[in-house]
N, C-alpha and C. Protein backbone atom coordinates (compact mmCIF):
# COMPACT_ATOMS: atom_id res chain seq x y z
N MET A 1 54.65 174.74 80.63
CA MET A 1 54.19 173.70 80.81
C MET A 1 53.52 172.83 79.50
N ALA A 2 53.51 171.66 79.71
CA ALA A 2 53.26 170.79 78.62
C ALA A 2 52.21 171.05 77.80
N ARG A 3 51.86 170.78 76.45
CA ARG A 3 50.97 171.38 76.40
C ARG A 3 49.98 169.57 75.98
N ALA A 4 48.29 169.79 76.03
CA ALA A 4 47.41 168.32 76.66
C ALA A 4 47.52 168.10 75.25
N LEU A 5 47.60 166.65 75.42
CA LEU A 5 47.34 165.85 74.02
C LEU A 5 45.83 165.05 74.05
N THR A 6 45.62 165.22 72.29
CA THR A 6 44.33 164.43 72.16
C THR A 6 44.85 163.12 72.00
N SER A 7 43.95 162.02 72.14
CA SER A 7 43.90 160.71 72.45
C SER A 7 44.67 160.11 71.36
N ARG A 8 44.49 160.43 70.10
CA ARG A 8 45.51 160.38 68.68
C ARG A 8 47.37 160.77 68.98
N ASN A 9 47.61 161.92 69.55
CA ASN A 9 49.12 162.31 70.13
C ASN A 9 49.63 161.22 70.83
N LEU A 10 48.43 160.71 71.54
CA LEU A 10 48.63 160.53 72.79
C LEU A 10 49.65 159.04 72.05
N LEU A 11 48.78 158.48 70.81
CA LEU A 11 48.55 157.11 70.91
C LEU A 11 49.70 157.21 69.71
N GLU A 12 49.85 158.04 69.17
CA GLU A 12 50.95 157.93 68.02
C GLU A 12 52.15 159.13 68.59
N LYS A 13 52.06 158.75 69.85
CA LYS A 13 53.25 159.81 70.26
C LYS A 13 55.07 158.28 70.52
N LYS A 14 56.09 159.18 69.74
CA LYS A 14 56.78 158.10 69.70
C LYS A 14 57.37 158.13 71.08
N THR A 15 57.91 156.68 71.64
CA THR A 15 58.71 156.94 73.15
C THR A 15 59.77 155.64 72.93
N GLY A 16 60.27 155.63 71.66
CA GLY A 16 61.52 154.75 71.44
C GLY A 16 61.54 153.06 71.27
N GLN A 17 62.20 152.89 71.10
CA GLN A 17 62.13 151.44 70.76
C GLN A 17 62.47 150.93 72.01
N PRO A 18 62.30 149.53 72.76
CA PRO A 18 62.41 148.43 73.28
C PRO A 18 63.62 148.45 73.57
N VAL A 19 64.08 148.09 74.68
CA VAL A 19 65.37 148.10 74.81
C VAL A 19 66.07 146.60 74.29
N LYS A 20 67.39 146.42 73.92
CA LYS A 20 67.56 145.03 73.35
C LYS A 20 68.75 144.87 74.50
N VAL A 21 68.62 143.40 74.85
CA VAL A 21 69.80 142.95 76.05
C VAL A 21 70.01 141.67 75.11
N SER A 22 70.88 141.03 76.22
CA SER A 22 71.58 139.66 75.37
C SER A 22 71.82 138.88 76.21
N ASN A 23 70.44 139.32 77.15
CA ASN A 23 70.16 137.74 78.12
C ASN A 23 69.32 137.37 77.88
N ALA A 24 68.71 136.44 77.86
CA ALA A 24 66.99 135.77 77.53
C ALA A 24 66.61 136.02 78.85
N VAL A 25 67.03 135.69 80.11
CA VAL A 25 66.27 135.72 81.18
C VAL A 25 65.72 137.48 81.06
N LEU A 26 67.25 138.41 81.61
CA LEU A 26 66.24 139.45 81.49
C LEU A 26 65.35 139.99 80.69
N SER A 27 65.57 139.59 78.96
CA SER A 27 64.43 139.95 77.96
C SER A 27 62.96 139.67 78.52
N LYS A 28 63.13 138.86 79.25
CA LYS A 28 62.05 137.98 79.62
C LYS A 28 60.70 139.24 80.82
N VAL A 29 61.83 139.30 82.01
CA VAL A 29 61.33 140.21 83.23
C VAL A 29 60.93 141.84 82.05
N LEU A 30 62.06 141.98 81.58
CA LEU A 30 61.84 144.14 81.27
C LEU A 30 60.70 143.88 79.82
N GLY A 31 60.42 142.82 79.64
CA GLY A 31 59.47 142.92 78.62
C GLY A 31 59.57 144.24 77.88
N ALA A 32 58.52 144.81 76.87
CA ALA A 32 59.02 145.70 75.91
C ALA A 32 59.40 147.65 76.85
N ALA A 33 60.54 147.01 77.85
CA ALA A 33 60.87 148.12 78.45
C ALA A 33 61.89 149.20 77.58
N VAL A 34 61.72 149.96 77.82
CA VAL A 34 62.24 151.38 76.52
C VAL A 34 63.25 151.79 77.92
N ALA A 35 64.91 152.81 77.33
CA ALA A 35 65.62 153.03 77.84
C ALA A 35 65.25 154.51 77.86
N LYS A 36 65.07 154.89 78.54
CA LYS A 36 64.54 155.60 79.05
C LYS A 36 64.04 156.38 81.26
N LYS A 37 63.61 157.06 81.23
CA LYS A 37 63.72 157.54 82.74
C LYS A 37 64.05 156.56 83.52
N CYS A 38 64.14 155.80 84.36
CA CYS A 38 64.94 155.17 85.59
C CYS A 38 64.10 153.96 86.01
N TRP A 39 64.89 153.43 86.14
CA TRP A 39 65.14 151.88 86.67
C TRP A 39 65.25 151.39 88.42
N LEU A 40 65.23 150.67 89.04
CA LEU A 40 65.88 150.91 90.49
C LEU A 40 66.30 149.36 90.71
N ILE A 41 67.53 148.90 91.53
CA ILE A 41 67.71 147.93 92.00
C ILE A 41 67.80 148.37 93.56
N TYR A 42 67.63 147.35 94.55
CA TYR A 42 67.56 147.44 95.60
C TYR A 42 66.86 146.58 96.57
N GLY A 43 67.78 146.31 97.88
CA GLY A 43 67.76 145.22 98.31
C GLY A 43 68.83 145.07 99.78
N ILE A 44 69.18 144.38 100.09
CA ILE A 44 69.82 144.48 102.05
C ILE A 44 71.40 144.48 101.39
N GLU A 45 72.43 144.87 102.00
CA GLU A 45 73.54 144.80 101.71
C GLU A 45 74.49 143.34 101.44
N LYS A 46 74.95 143.24 100.24
CA LYS A 46 75.89 142.07 100.05
C LYS A 46 74.96 140.86 99.73
N ASN A 47 73.90 141.28 99.13
CA ASN A 47 72.42 140.49 98.68
C ASN A 47 72.07 140.26 97.04
N GLY A 48 73.20 140.53 96.42
CA GLY A 48 73.39 140.16 95.06
C GLY A 48 72.96 141.84 94.26
N LYS A 49 72.81 143.01 95.01
CA LYS A 49 72.28 144.38 93.87
C LYS A 49 73.43 144.39 92.76
N THR A 50 74.85 144.66 93.21
CA THR A 50 75.84 145.14 92.43
C THR A 50 75.95 143.58 91.54
N ALA A 51 75.78 142.90 91.79
CA ALA A 51 76.18 141.46 91.11
C ALA A 51 75.05 141.59 90.01
N LEU A 52 73.96 142.33 89.72
CA LEU A 52 72.53 142.83 89.07
C LEU A 52 72.82 143.31 88.24
N ALA A 53 73.33 144.31 89.10
CA ALA A 53 73.65 146.00 88.19
C ALA A 53 74.72 145.20 86.88
N LEU A 54 75.88 144.56 87.06
CA LEU A 54 76.90 144.23 86.32
C LEU A 54 76.01 143.75 85.19
N GLU A 55 75.56 142.36 85.62
CA GLU A 55 75.09 141.51 84.62
C GLU A 55 74.10 142.33 83.86
N ILE A 56 73.74 143.28 83.89
CA ILE A 56 72.77 144.40 83.42
C ILE A 56 73.50 144.87 82.37
N ALA A 57 74.54 145.59 82.37
CA ALA A 57 75.29 146.68 82.40
C ALA A 57 76.04 145.67 81.42
N LYS A 58 76.39 144.26 81.23
CA LYS A 58 76.94 143.57 80.66
C LYS A 58 76.27 143.16 79.25
N ALA A 59 74.41 142.43 79.71
CA ALA A 59 73.69 142.95 78.94
C ALA A 59 72.89 143.74 77.74
N LEU A 60 73.56 145.45 78.36
CA LEU A 60 73.12 145.84 77.58
C LEU A 60 73.84 146.50 76.58
N ALA A 61 75.16 146.14 77.03
CA ALA A 61 76.43 146.74 76.47
C ALA A 61 76.07 146.82 75.13
N PRO A 62 76.06 145.48 74.25
CA PRO A 62 76.59 145.16 73.10
C PRO A 62 75.32 146.28 72.30
N ASN A 63 74.76 146.61 72.25
CA ASN A 63 73.48 147.32 71.63
C ASN A 63 73.49 148.98 72.08
N ILE A 64 74.11 149.30 73.46
CA ILE A 64 74.01 150.41 73.56
C ILE A 64 74.75 151.00 74.64
N THR A 65 75.22 152.20 74.62
CA THR A 65 75.90 152.90 75.77
C THR A 65 75.81 153.24 76.80
N VAL A 66 76.89 152.03 77.40
CA VAL A 66 76.59 152.22 79.05
C VAL A 66 77.71 152.67 80.07
N ASP A 67 77.33 153.50 80.95
CA ASP A 67 78.26 153.71 81.89
C ASP A 67 78.09 153.33 83.11
N TYR A 68 78.87 152.81 83.78
CA TYR A 68 78.51 152.15 85.15
C TYR A 68 79.64 153.56 86.04
N ILE A 69 79.31 153.96 87.07
CA ILE A 69 79.38 154.71 88.28
C ILE A 69 79.68 153.92 89.40
N SER A 70 80.76 153.90 90.03
CA SER A 70 80.40 152.64 91.13
C SER A 70 81.34 153.80 92.12
N ALA A 71 80.28 154.96 92.54
CA ALA A 71 80.32 155.39 93.59
C ALA A 71 81.00 155.05 95.16
N GLU A 72 80.20 153.63 95.43
CA GLU A 72 80.22 153.77 96.51
C GLU A 72 81.65 152.33 97.03
N GLU A 73 81.80 152.01 95.68
CA GLU A 73 83.07 150.65 96.35
C GLU A 73 84.30 150.86 95.10
N GLY A 74 84.00 151.93 94.34
CA GLY A 74 85.60 152.45 93.60
C GLY A 74 85.27 151.36 92.81
N THR A 75 86.54 151.77 92.27
CA THR A 75 86.77 150.64 91.07
C THR A 75 88.47 149.66 91.41
N GLU A 76 88.96 149.22 92.67
CA GLU A 76 89.57 148.74 93.43
C GLU A 76 89.61 146.93 93.34
N ALA A 77 90.39 146.41 93.85
CA ALA A 77 89.88 144.55 94.04
C ALA A 77 88.75 144.30 93.84
N SER A 78 88.13 144.63 94.88
CA SER A 78 86.69 143.90 95.15
C SER A 78 85.97 144.18 94.19
N PHE A 79 85.92 145.43 93.29
CA PHE A 79 84.96 145.11 92.58
C PHE A 79 85.50 145.00 90.84
N GLN A 80 86.67 144.76 90.56
CA GLN A 80 87.36 144.13 89.33
C GLN A 80 86.96 142.97 89.97
N GLN A 81 86.78 142.39 91.22
CA GLN A 81 86.36 140.60 91.28
C GLN A 81 85.01 140.35 91.06
N ALA A 82 84.13 141.27 91.07
CA ALA A 82 82.84 141.76 90.94
C ALA A 82 82.28 141.37 89.57
N CYS A 83 83.87 142.44 88.67
CA CYS A 83 83.27 142.43 87.38
C CYS A 83 83.50 140.59 86.39
N LEU A 84 84.67 140.13 86.81
CA LEU A 84 85.20 139.34 86.48
C LEU A 84 84.19 137.89 86.74
N ARG A 85 83.31 138.19 88.10
CA ARG A 85 82.52 137.08 88.17
C ARG A 85 81.46 137.17 87.31
N ALA A 86 80.69 138.44 86.91
CA ALA A 86 79.74 138.42 86.16
C ALA A 86 80.23 138.38 84.74
N GLY A 87 81.07 138.27 84.46
CA GLY A 87 81.95 137.72 82.98
C GLY A 87 81.95 139.00 82.27
N ILE A 88 82.15 139.91 82.78
CA ILE A 88 83.23 141.44 82.08
C ILE A 88 84.38 140.69 82.02
N ASN A 89 85.04 141.37 80.62
CA ASN A 89 86.13 141.08 80.09
C ASN A 89 86.59 142.42 79.48
N LYS A 90 88.43 142.38 79.38
CA LYS A 90 88.53 143.65 78.76
C LYS A 90 88.01 144.46 77.52
N ALA A 91 87.28 143.27 76.79
CA ALA A 91 86.65 143.47 75.58
C ALA A 91 85.14 144.59 75.76
N THR A 92 84.53 144.50 77.19
CA THR A 92 83.46 144.65 77.43
C THR A 92 83.25 145.81 77.53
N LYS A 93 82.00 146.78 76.08
CA LYS A 93 82.17 147.99 75.89
C LYS A 93 81.05 148.58 76.79
N ILE A 94 81.75 148.78 78.33
CA ILE A 94 81.32 149.64 79.20
C ILE A 94 82.09 150.30 79.80
N LYS A 95 82.14 152.05 80.35
CA LYS A 95 83.00 152.85 80.51
C LYS A 95 82.83 152.94 82.41
N TRP A 96 83.96 152.78 83.01
CA TRP A 96 83.67 153.44 84.04
C TRP A 96 84.03 154.04 84.73
N SER A 97 83.56 154.67 86.06
CA SER A 97 84.00 155.47 86.63
C SER A 97 83.95 155.67 88.13
N GLU A 98 84.44 156.19 89.14
CA GLU A 98 84.10 156.31 90.37
C GLU A 98 83.66 157.26 90.92
N TYR A 99 83.41 157.72 92.22
CA TYR A 99 82.24 158.77 92.77
C TYR A 99 82.30 160.31 91.81
N LEU A 100 81.10 160.60 91.15
CA LEU A 100 81.21 162.18 90.28
C LEU A 100 80.19 162.83 91.04
N PRO A 101 80.70 164.38 91.87
CA PRO A 101 79.25 164.76 92.65
C PRO A 101 77.99 164.76 91.01
N LEU A 102 76.94 164.99 92.50
CA LEU A 102 75.58 164.42 90.92
C LEU A 102 75.60 165.96 90.17
N ALA A 103 76.08 167.13 90.71
CA ALA A 103 76.17 168.17 89.05
C ALA A 103 76.66 168.06 88.25
N ASP A 104 77.84 167.79 88.73
CA ASP A 104 78.83 167.50 87.74
C ASP A 104 78.42 165.96 86.67
N LEU A 105 77.35 164.64 87.67
CA LEU A 105 77.23 163.63 86.36
C LEU A 105 76.08 164.26 85.77
N VAL A 106 75.29 165.00 86.19
CA VAL A 106 74.38 165.76 85.27
C VAL A 106 74.29 166.41 83.66
N GLU A 107 75.65 167.44 84.41
CA GLU A 107 76.07 168.21 83.04
C GLU A 107 76.68 167.26 82.15
N LYS A 108 77.62 166.56 82.79
CA LYS A 108 78.17 165.21 81.90
C LYS A 108 77.00 164.73 80.87
N TYR A 109 75.83 164.30 81.37
CA TYR A 109 75.13 163.39 80.89
C TYR A 109 74.15 163.53 80.06
N LYS A 110 73.69 165.11 80.36
CA LYS A 110 72.87 165.62 79.57
C LYS A 110 73.18 165.58 77.99
N LYS A 111 74.80 165.65 77.99
CA LYS A 111 75.12 166.27 76.40
C LYS A 111 74.85 164.53 75.21
N PRO A 112 74.28 165.38 73.75
CA PRO A 112 73.34 164.38 73.83
C PRO A 112 74.43 163.18 73.28
N LYS A 113 75.71 163.33 72.86
CA LYS A 113 76.40 162.00 72.61
C LYS A 113 76.97 161.47 74.01
N SER A 114 76.65 161.79 75.31
CA SER A 114 76.74 160.88 76.04
C SER A 114 76.33 159.43 76.11
N SER A 115 76.71 159.11 77.23
CA SER A 115 76.07 157.34 76.82
C SER A 115 74.39 157.31 77.18
N LYS A 116 74.08 156.35 76.96
CA LYS A 116 72.63 156.58 76.58
C LYS A 116 71.84 155.61 78.10
N VAL A 117 73.06 155.21 79.12
CA VAL A 117 72.42 154.40 80.10
C VAL A 117 73.44 154.92 81.14
N ILE A 118 73.28 155.18 82.55
CA ILE A 118 73.89 155.55 83.50
C ILE A 118 73.62 155.05 84.59
N ILE A 119 74.25 153.89 84.92
CA ILE A 119 74.31 153.14 86.34
C ILE A 119 74.77 153.71 87.11
N ILE A 120 74.29 154.02 88.65
CA ILE A 120 74.20 155.07 89.83
C ILE A 120 74.51 153.61 90.97
N ASP A 121 75.98 153.96 90.99
CA ASP A 121 75.83 152.68 92.70
C ASP A 121 76.70 153.13 93.50
N ASN A 122 75.67 153.94 94.30
CA ASN A 122 74.36 153.38 94.63
C ASN A 122 73.87 155.00 95.59
N CYS A 123 72.85 155.14 95.77
CA CYS A 123 71.74 156.18 96.35
C CYS A 123 72.32 156.82 97.41
N THR A 124 72.54 156.03 98.25
CA THR A 124 73.37 156.32 99.70
C THR A 124 74.49 157.56 99.74
N ILE A 125 75.65 157.31 98.95
CA ILE A 125 76.30 158.20 98.60
C ILE A 125 75.95 159.88 97.79
N TYR A 126 74.98 159.72 97.49
CA TYR A 126 74.90 160.66 97.18
C TYR A 126 73.12 161.28 98.00
N SER A 127 73.00 160.71 98.78
CA SER A 127 71.71 161.30 99.60
C SER A 127 71.59 162.77 100.03
N ASP A 128 72.77 163.56 100.69
CA ASP A 128 73.01 164.67 101.00
C ASP A 128 72.78 165.70 99.71
N GLU A 129 73.60 165.14 98.66
CA GLU A 129 73.14 166.13 97.14
C GLU A 129 71.99 166.01 96.79
N PHE A 130 71.34 165.27 97.06
CA PHE A 130 69.59 165.06 95.86
C PHE A 130 68.91 166.42 97.10
N LYS A 131 69.31 166.41 97.78
CA LYS A 131 68.81 167.70 99.24
C LYS A 131 68.88 169.13 97.96
N ASP A 132 70.30 169.32 97.27
CA ASP A 132 69.72 170.51 96.82
C ASP A 132 69.89 169.95 95.06
N LEU A 133 69.68 169.07 94.49
CA LEU A 133 69.67 168.99 93.30
C LEU A 133 68.74 168.04 93.16
N LYS A 134 67.00 167.86 93.35
CA LYS A 134 65.72 167.35 93.25
C LYS A 134 65.59 166.67 92.33
N LEU A 135 65.02 165.01 92.76
CA LEU A 135 65.24 163.67 91.53
C LEU A 135 64.64 164.40 90.45
N LEU A 136 63.52 164.90 90.39
CA LEU A 136 62.86 165.04 88.93
C LEU A 136 63.60 166.16 88.22
N ASP A 137 64.21 167.34 88.97
CA ASP A 137 65.46 167.77 88.54
C ASP A 137 65.92 166.96 87.13
N LEU A 138 67.05 166.29 87.95
CA LEU A 138 68.09 165.00 87.30
C LEU A 138 67.05 164.83 85.88
N LEU A 139 65.99 163.83 86.79
CA LEU A 139 65.21 163.05 84.93
C LEU A 139 65.13 164.24 84.05
N ASP A 140 64.70 165.26 84.37
CA ASP A 140 64.17 166.18 83.84
C ASP A 140 65.17 166.46 82.60
N ALA A 141 66.87 166.88 83.20
CA ALA A 141 67.75 167.06 82.97
C ALA A 141 68.53 166.03 81.82
N LEU A 142 68.00 164.61 82.28
CA LEU A 142 68.56 163.33 81.77
C LEU A 142 67.11 162.73 80.37
N LYS A 143 66.43 163.32 80.19
CA LYS A 143 65.03 162.87 79.83
C LYS A 143 65.52 161.85 78.67
N ASN A 144 66.09 162.08 77.82
CA ASN A 144 66.13 160.87 76.83
C ASN A 144 67.21 159.92 77.26
N LYS A 145 67.67 159.81 78.28
CA LYS A 145 68.52 158.86 78.95
C LYS A 145 67.78 157.57 79.90
N LEU A 146 68.65 156.54 80.30
CA LEU A 146 67.82 155.47 81.26
C LEU A 146 68.64 155.68 82.24
N VAL A 147 68.45 156.75 83.49
CA VAL A 147 69.27 155.89 84.84
C VAL A 147 68.82 154.89 85.75
N ILE A 148 69.99 154.14 85.87
CA ILE A 148 69.49 152.53 86.68
C ILE A 148 70.16 153.32 88.51
N PHE A 149 69.46 153.63 88.93
CA PHE A 149 70.16 153.72 90.40
C PHE A 149 70.21 151.91 91.51
N LEU A 150 70.80 152.49 92.16
CA LEU A 150 70.90 151.24 93.40
C LEU A 150 70.55 151.91 94.47
N ALA A 151 70.14 150.83 95.00
CA ALA A 151 69.32 151.81 96.88
C ALA A 151 69.49 150.21 97.91
N HIS A 152 69.94 150.92 99.61
CA HIS A 152 70.41 149.46 99.97
C HIS A 152 68.81 149.27 100.54
N GLU A 153 68.40 148.76 101.34
CA GLU A 153 67.26 148.86 101.64
C GLU A 153 66.46 148.72 103.49
N GLU A 154 65.64 149.33 104.13
CA GLU A 154 65.53 149.34 105.33
C GLU A 154 63.89 149.22 105.81
N ARG A 155 64.00 148.26 106.01
CA ARG A 155 62.58 147.84 106.96
C ARG A 155 61.77 147.24 105.22
N LYS A 156 62.55 146.65 103.96
CA LYS A 156 61.97 146.23 103.46
C LYS A 156 61.32 147.32 102.41
N GLU A 157 61.96 148.66 102.62
CA GLU A 157 61.76 149.47 101.26
C GLU A 157 63.53 149.90 100.97
N PRO A 158 62.94 150.70 100.17
CA PRO A 158 64.71 151.07 99.53
C PRO A 158 64.75 152.27 100.52
N PHE A 159 66.25 152.73 100.55
CA PHE A 159 66.82 153.54 101.00
C PHE A 159 68.06 153.93 100.95
N PRO A 160 67.95 155.84 100.71
CA PRO A 160 66.99 156.36 101.64
C PRO A 160 66.46 157.15 101.43
N ALA A 161 65.40 158.34 101.49
CA ALA A 161 64.27 158.76 101.42
C ALA A 161 64.13 158.67 99.54
N VAL A 162 64.95 159.30 98.99
CA VAL A 162 65.14 159.38 97.84
C VAL A 162 65.09 157.93 96.57
N ALA A 163 65.79 157.10 97.16
CA ALA A 163 65.58 155.96 96.36
C ALA A 163 64.02 155.39 96.98
N ARG A 164 63.50 155.32 97.73
CA ARG A 164 61.46 155.71 97.58
C ARG A 164 61.39 156.07 97.02
N MET A 165 61.37 157.25 96.80
CA MET A 165 60.56 158.12 95.27
C MET A 165 61.12 157.60 94.35
N ILE A 166 62.41 157.11 94.32
CA ILE A 166 62.72 156.54 92.50
C ILE A 166 62.34 155.52 92.38
N LYS A 167 61.63 154.70 93.22
CA LYS A 167 60.99 153.01 93.06
C LYS A 167 59.62 153.66 92.70
N LYS A 168 59.08 154.64 93.11
CA LYS A 168 57.59 155.09 92.90
C LYS A 168 57.51 155.56 90.93
N LEU A 169 58.75 156.33 90.75
CA LEU A 169 59.25 156.85 89.37
C LEU A 169 59.49 155.69 88.60
N SER A 170 60.23 154.58 88.75
CA SER A 170 60.75 153.57 87.95
C SER A 170 59.93 153.00 87.50
N THR A 171 60.40 152.54 85.79
CA THR A 171 59.45 151.56 84.84
C THR A 171 59.63 150.48 84.95
N VAL A 172 60.63 150.17 85.73
CA VAL A 172 60.98 148.56 86.73
C VAL A 172 62.00 149.07 87.28
N TYR A 173 61.73 147.92 88.64
CA TYR A 173 62.44 147.82 89.76
C TYR A 173 62.59 146.49 90.20
N PHE A 174 63.64 145.84 90.39
CA PHE A 174 64.40 145.03 90.97
C PHE A 174 64.70 144.65 92.27
N HIS A 175 64.27 143.55 93.13
CA HIS A 175 64.19 143.68 94.34
C HIS A 175 65.07 142.64 95.05
N VAL A 176 66.68 142.54 95.07
CA VAL A 176 67.30 141.60 95.42
C VAL A 176 67.00 140.89 96.79
N GLN A 177 67.24 139.76 96.82
CA GLN A 177 67.07 139.38 98.46
C GLN A 177 67.81 137.78 98.09
N GLY A 178 69.33 137.48 98.69
CA GLY A 178 69.72 136.32 98.86
C GLY A 178 69.59 135.61 97.39
N LEU A 179 70.06 136.87 96.44
CA LEU A 179 70.58 136.55 95.18
C LEU A 179 69.49 135.97 94.16
N LYS A 180 68.09 135.84 94.68
CA LYS A 180 67.22 135.89 94.44
C LYS A 180 66.22 137.49 93.63
N VAL A 181 66.05 137.47 92.49
CA VAL A 181 65.69 138.92 91.98
C VAL A 181 63.76 138.66 91.61
N ASP A 182 62.86 139.51 92.55
CA ASP A 182 61.65 140.13 92.23
C ASP A 182 61.44 140.88 91.11
N THR A 183 61.47 141.08 90.19
CA THR A 183 60.69 141.70 89.08
C THR A 183 59.57 142.65 89.02
N VAL A 184 59.21 143.69 89.39
CA VAL A 184 58.27 144.45 88.43
C VAL A 184 58.53 145.76 87.36
N SER A 185 57.64 145.33 86.14
CA SER A 185 57.96 146.25 84.91
C SER A 185 56.54 146.73 84.63
N ARG A 186 56.43 147.46 84.57
CA ARG A 186 55.50 148.71 83.88
C ARG A 186 54.97 148.16 82.18
N PHE A 187 56.00 147.90 81.60
CA PHE A 187 56.15 147.47 80.37
C PHE A 187 55.25 146.11 80.35
N GLU A 188 54.47 145.90 78.88
CA GLU A 188 53.31 144.91 78.24
C GLU A 188 54.71 143.73 78.17
N GLY A 189 54.41 142.87 78.99
CA GLY A 189 55.33 141.23 78.82
C GLY A 189 55.99 141.46 79.80
N GLY A 190 56.13 142.10 80.89
CA GLY A 190 57.40 142.36 81.52
C GLY A 190 56.98 141.99 83.14
N GLY A 191 57.96 141.59 83.92
CA GLY A 191 57.70 140.73 85.32
C GLY A 191 57.98 139.52 85.67
N GLY A 192 58.76 139.60 87.08
CA GLY A 192 59.00 138.10 87.19
C GLY A 192 60.50 137.58 87.70
N SER A 193 60.03 136.48 88.01
CA SER A 193 61.34 136.42 89.34
C SER A 193 62.74 135.18 88.40
N PHE A 194 63.91 135.83 88.70
CA PHE A 194 65.07 134.94 88.33
C PHE A 194 65.98 134.96 89.34
N LEU A 195 66.89 133.89 89.21
CA LEU A 195 68.38 133.96 90.05
C LEU A 195 69.07 134.04 89.76
N ILE A 196 70.13 135.10 90.69
CA ILE A 196 71.32 135.32 89.36
C ILE A 196 72.76 134.17 89.67
N ASN A 197 72.68 133.29 91.07
CA ASN A 197 73.61 132.13 91.40
C ASN A 197 72.86 131.63 91.86
N LYS A 198 72.36 130.27 91.17
CA LYS A 198 71.56 128.98 91.18
C LYS A 198 71.78 128.77 92.67
N GLU A 199 73.13 127.81 92.66
CA GLU A 199 74.15 127.50 93.55
C GLU A 199 74.02 128.18 95.05
N LYS A 200 74.29 129.36 95.09
CA LYS A 200 73.96 130.25 96.20
C LYS A 200 72.63 130.87 97.00
N ALA A 201 71.72 130.85 95.73
CA ALA A 201 70.75 131.45 95.82
C ALA A 201 69.90 130.19 97.04
N GLU A 202 69.88 128.97 96.34
CA GLU A 202 69.63 127.63 97.12
C GLU A 202 69.97 127.38 98.19
N LEU A 203 71.27 127.37 98.57
CA LEU A 203 71.64 127.89 99.84
C LEU A 203 70.84 128.96 101.09
N TYR A 204 70.42 129.95 100.48
CA TYR A 204 69.45 130.91 100.78
C TYR A 204 68.27 130.63 101.22
N TRP A 205 67.51 129.89 100.22
CA TRP A 205 65.80 129.65 100.39
C TRP A 205 65.90 127.97 100.03
N GLY A 206 66.78 127.29 99.79
CA GLY A 206 66.24 125.99 99.31
C GLY A 206 66.39 125.86 98.04
N GLU A 207 65.46 124.35 97.74
CA GLU A 207 65.51 124.50 96.18
C GLU A 207 64.73 125.50 95.13
N GLU A 208 65.26 126.23 94.40
CA GLU A 208 64.04 126.81 93.75
C GLU A 208 63.98 126.58 92.14
N ASP A 209 62.61 126.58 91.92
CA ASP A 209 62.58 126.55 90.04
C ASP A 209 62.60 127.78 89.17
N LEU A 210 63.67 128.62 89.51
CA LEU A 210 63.64 129.76 88.29
C LEU A 210 64.60 129.71 87.79
N GLU A 211 64.40 130.39 86.67
CA GLU A 211 65.72 130.70 85.84
C GLU A 211 66.88 131.10 86.24
N THR A 212 67.59 131.16 86.22
CA THR A 212 69.33 131.91 86.40
C THR A 212 69.73 132.91 85.36
N ILE A 213 70.22 134.00 85.49
CA ILE A 213 70.83 134.59 84.54
C ILE A 213 72.31 133.78 83.81
């Protein structure tokens, strides 16, 4: 059991430096976010979740090591095209993987020298495996990492059940609909809305006076 902290211990506790991103819009909505614990990106199918995840990966990569696990779509032509649309090129410093069993994933990334940010696309592929490996155990094993999960949406909430728990535990979450993103951040200065693609988003929403990443 963790020991109780005095107020002084609490306020002097080292919690990590705010994450640096190379995108001004993402920097604004993240606020003073730290690259630990978990974030969530969720929304209905084909509304921009992967596009946002790729933009976040690209914006983080110059300053911190990033691995992207494309468990649902794999790394074939459609995913390659999504990467190109996000401006990812051969020099972008991101490591890419297809599906990796959850237990193997934890074993790989709990090692100190492994990447600091792990993006898991997406929760549906791992829903059965989370029955054997609990979410809190995964986050505890990877407590010095940032795990960014993607999840589908059902009845306006993340799907499946583990994704709803991820939302509750996330320090930042992004709801994506029609290439528009609403962000909630627990960190100072964070939160807000933006567009992934202005032209396509306005076909869905009409004219929007929002910044585009």
